[in-house]
Amino acid sequence: MKIYTKTGDTGETALLGGKRVKKSCLEIEAVGEVDETNALIGVLVSELPEDIFIGARERLTIVQHRLFTIGSNIAAVQMDLGKMPQITGFDVQALEQWIDEMESELTLLTQFILPGGHRAAAQAFTARATARRAERRVVEVADRYPELSPLVKQYLNRLSDALFVLARWVNKKSGCSDVAWEK
C-alpha cells in the first residue's frame, strides 16, 4: 500500500467510517492538535535518558497510545461505528497518580516559572502548550458533539498538568532549577 493516495489533493480527507470532510473542519483540526501533541511527546521520550527516566518514558508511551484513542474518538464522532476504544476514568486517575508521585519530590511552586531548563524539560513544556491547544479544540468538538466522552476533555486537561510537572521533575532530576518569572 502506498502512503500517498492523492484523495486529499482537493483539500478533503476521510473521517473514520469514510465520510469525506474538508481538511479544515473542526474535527480534523482537533485530531491534528492531538496528533501534534503525540508527536512532541515522541520527541520528549527520545530526549529522556533511559538510565534515569525509564519509568517516565514508559508512562509517556502509554500516553501516546491514549492520544491515538482520543484521535480515533474525535474522527468517529460523526459516525456510529460501534465499539471504539475509549478513555476511561482509570486513564485520568493514572495521570493524577503520576502527577502526585512527581510532585512529592518537588518544592511547592509559589510563583510562575519560565519554560526551559534541561532539553527534555523544555520539550515537556512545549508538549504541554500543544496539549492545551488540543484541549481547546476538543472542547469545541465536545460542544458540537455531546456524545464525545467528557473523559476526553478531562484526560487532555490532566495531561497538560502532567507535562508541566514532568518538566519541573526532569529539571530537578537533571540538576536544573526552575526559572522564576520576573514581574
Protein backbone atom coordinates (compact mmCIF):
# COMPACT_ATOMS: atom_id res chain seq x y z
CA MET A 1 0.00 0.00 0.00
CA LYS A 2 1.36 3.40 -0.94
CA ILE A 3 1.42 6.20 1.61
CA TYR A 4 0.08 8.71 -0.89
CA THR A 5 -3.42 8.18 -2.21
CA LYS A 6 -3.98 11.55 -3.91
CA THR A 7 -7.51 11.55 -2.44
CA GLY A 8 -6.64 14.57 -0.29
CA ASP A 9 -5.34 16.71 -3.12
CA THR A 10 -8.58 18.70 -3.28
CA GLY A 11 -8.48 19.67 0.41
CA GLU A 12 -10.69 16.88 1.70
CA THR A 13 -9.97 13.85 3.85
CA ALA A 14 -11.96 10.99 5.32
CA LEU A 15 -13.14 10.57 8.88
CA LEU A 16 -13.41 7.09 10.37
CA GLY A 17 -16.25 5.38 8.57
CA GLY A 18 -15.33 7.03 5.27
CA LYS A 19 -17.25 10.31 5.41
CA ARG A 20 -15.40 12.94 3.35
CA VAL A 21 -14.85 16.32 5.03
CA LYS A 22 -12.80 19.46 4.47
CA LYS A 23 -9.32 19.25 6.00
CA SER A 24 -10.17 22.49 7.77
CA CYS A 25 -13.23 21.11 9.57
CA LEU A 26 -13.27 21.28 13.36
CA GLU A 27 -12.86 17.54 13.92
CA ILE A 28 -9.80 17.34 11.66
CA GLU A 29 -8.34 20.42 13.39
CA ALA A 30 -8.79 18.70 16.77
CA VAL A 31 -7.32 15.41 15.53
CA GLY A 32 -4.36 17.37 14.16
CA GLU A 33 -3.75 19.09 17.50
CA VAL A 34 -3.87 15.76 19.32
CA ASP A 35 -1.53 14.26 16.72
CA GLU A 36 0.92 17.15 17.14
CA THR A 37 0.88 16.63 20.91
CA ASN A 38 1.58 12.95 20.35
CA ALA A 39 4.50 13.75 18.04
CA LEU A 40 6.01 16.17 20.56
CA ILE A 41 5.72 13.56 23.27
CA GLY A 42 7.59 11.18 20.96
CA VAL A 43 10.39 13.74 20.73
CA LEU A 44 10.29 14.13 24.52
CA VAL A 45 10.67 10.38 25.01
CA SER A 46 13.72 10.42 22.74
CA GLU A 47 15.25 13.22 24.86
CA LEU A 48 14.87 11.40 28.20
CA PRO A 49 17.95 9.33 29.06
CA GLU A 50 16.85 5.72 29.59
CA ASP A 51 19.00 5.11 32.65
CA ILE A 52 17.35 7.84 34.74
CA PHE A 53 13.91 8.23 33.20
CA ILE A 54 12.81 4.71 32.16
CA GLY A 55 9.58 5.00 34.17
CA ALA A 56 8.70 8.37 32.64
CA ARG A 57 9.45 7.03 29.15
CA GLU A 58 7.09 4.09 29.76
CA ARG A 59 4.30 6.33 31.06
CA LEU A 60 4.67 8.69 28.13
CA THR A 61 4.40 5.79 25.70
CA ILE A 62 1.11 4.84 27.37
CA VAL A 63 0.02 8.47 26.95
CA GLN A 64 0.83 8.23 23.25
CA HIS A 65 -1.48 5.22 22.94
CA ARG A 66 -4.24 7.12 24.76
CA LEU A 67 -3.80 10.08 22.42
CA PHE A 68 -4.36 7.73 19.47
CA THR A 69 -7.57 6.61 21.19
CA ILE A 70 -8.63 10.24 21.60
CA GLY A 71 -7.88 10.96 17.94
CA SER A 72 -9.95 7.99 16.82
CA ASN A 73 -12.84 9.08 19.06
CA ILE A 74 -12.79 12.54 17.51
CA ALA A 75 -12.51 11.17 13.97
CA ALA A 76 -15.53 8.93 14.62
CA VAL A 77 -17.74 11.48 16.35
CA GLN A 78 -19.93 11.97 13.25
CA MET A 79 -20.44 8.25 12.76
CA ASP A 80 -21.91 5.41 14.77
CA LEU A 81 -19.09 2.92 14.39
CA GLY A 82 -20.00 0.72 17.31
CA LYS A 83 -17.33 -0.28 19.78
CA MET A 84 -14.44 2.21 19.68
CA PRO A 85 -11.64 2.18 22.25
CA GLN A 86 -12.40 4.74 24.94
CA ILE A 87 -10.58 6.83 27.51
CA THR A 88 -11.57 5.63 30.99
CA GLY A 89 -11.64 7.11 34.44
CA PHE A 90 -8.68 4.85 35.20
CA ASP A 91 -6.67 6.62 32.47
CA VAL A 92 -7.37 10.01 34.07
CA GLN A 93 -6.54 8.62 37.54
CA ALA A 94 -3.26 7.19 36.24
CA LEU A 95 -2.19 10.69 35.17
CA GLU A 96 -3.24 12.10 38.55
CA GLN A 97 -1.24 9.43 40.37
CA TRP A 98 1.82 10.18 38.24
CA ILE A 99 1.46 13.91 38.93
CA ASP A 100 1.22 13.22 42.67
CA GLU A 101 4.31 10.99 42.59
CA MET A 102 6.39 13.61 40.80
CA GLU A 103 5.10 16.50 42.92
CA SER A 104 6.07 14.65 46.10
CA GLU A 105 9.71 15.17 45.06
CA LEU A 106 9.35 18.85 44.13
CA THR A 107 9.29 22.03 46.17
CA LEU A 108 5.98 23.85 46.36
CA LEU A 109 5.54 26.20 43.43
CA THR A 110 4.77 29.71 44.72
CA GLN A 111 5.26 31.75 41.54
CA PHE A 112 5.08 31.45 37.79
CA ILE A 113 8.10 29.89 36.12
CA LEU A 114 9.53 30.15 32.63
CA PRO A 115 9.60 27.11 30.35
CA GLY A 116 13.10 25.78 29.90
CA GLY A 117 15.98 24.16 31.71
CA HIS A 118 17.10 20.71 30.63
CA ARG A 119 16.43 19.96 26.96
CA ALA A 120 13.87 17.27 27.86
CA ALA A 121 12.14 19.64 30.30
CA ALA A 122 11.89 22.27 27.59
CA GLN A 123 10.37 19.62 25.33
CA ALA A 124 7.84 18.72 28.05
CA PHE A 125 6.87 22.40 28.34
CA THR A 126 6.40 22.51 24.54
CA ALA A 127 4.25 19.36 24.57
CA ARG A 128 2.22 20.89 27.41
CA ALA A 129 1.47 24.02 25.38
CA THR A 130 0.35 21.87 22.46
CA ALA A 131 -1.78 19.67 24.73
CA ARG A 132 -3.53 22.81 25.97
CA ARG A 133 -4.24 23.85 22.38
CA ALA A 134 -5.56 20.36 21.62
CA GLU A 135 -7.79 20.60 24.67
CA ARG A 136 -9.26 23.90 23.43
CA ARG A 137 -10.12 22.31 20.07
CA VAL A 138 -11.59 19.23 21.74
CA VAL A 139 -13.79 21.46 23.90
CA GLU A 140 -15.17 22.93 20.67
CA VAL A 141 -15.80 19.44 19.27
CA ALA A 142 -17.50 18.36 22.51
CA ASP A 143 -19.73 21.44 22.41
CA ARG A 144 -20.87 20.42 18.93
CA TYR A 145 -21.00 16.67 19.63
CA PRO A 146 -22.06 15.99 23.23
CA GLU A 147 -21.73 12.25 22.60
CA LEU A 148 -17.92 12.68 22.82
CA SER A 149 -16.98 11.35 26.24
CA PRO A 150 -16.25 14.08 28.81
CA LEU A 151 -13.29 11.92 29.85
CA VAL A 152 -11.52 13.01 26.66
CA LYS A 153 -11.50 16.63 27.87
CA GLN A 154 -10.51 15.54 31.39
CA TYR A 155 -7.64 13.44 30.06
CA LEU A 156 -6.21 16.27 27.97
CA ASN A 157 -6.56 18.68 30.87
CA ARG A 158 -4.74 16.31 33.20
CA LEU A 159 -2.13 15.58 30.54
CA SER A 160 -1.15 19.23 30.30
CA ASP A 161 -0.78 19.27 34.10
CA ALA A 162 1.32 16.11 33.98
CA LEU A 163 3.61 17.54 31.31
CA PHE A 164 4.12 20.72 33.34
CA VAL A 165 5.01 18.75 36.47
CA LEU A 166 7.16 16.39 34.40
CA ALA A 167 9.16 19.36 33.10
CA ARG A 168 9.84 20.55 36.65
CA TRP A 169 10.65 17.00 37.77
CA VAL A 170 13.07 16.45 34.87
CA ASN A 171 14.77 19.74 35.72
CA LYS A 172 15.16 18.70 39.34
CA LYS A 173 16.49 15.24 38.46
CA SER A 174 18.90 16.86 35.98
CA GLY A 175 20.16 19.48 38.44
CA CYS A 176 18.44 22.44 36.77
CA SER A 177 16.46 25.00 38.74
CA ASP A 178 13.08 26.45 37.84
CA VAL A 179 13.47 29.99 36.46
CA ALA A 180 11.09 32.35 38.23
CA TRP A 181 9.15 34.84 36.14
CA GLU A 182 10.35 38.35 36.93
CA LYS A 183 7.37 40.69 37.10
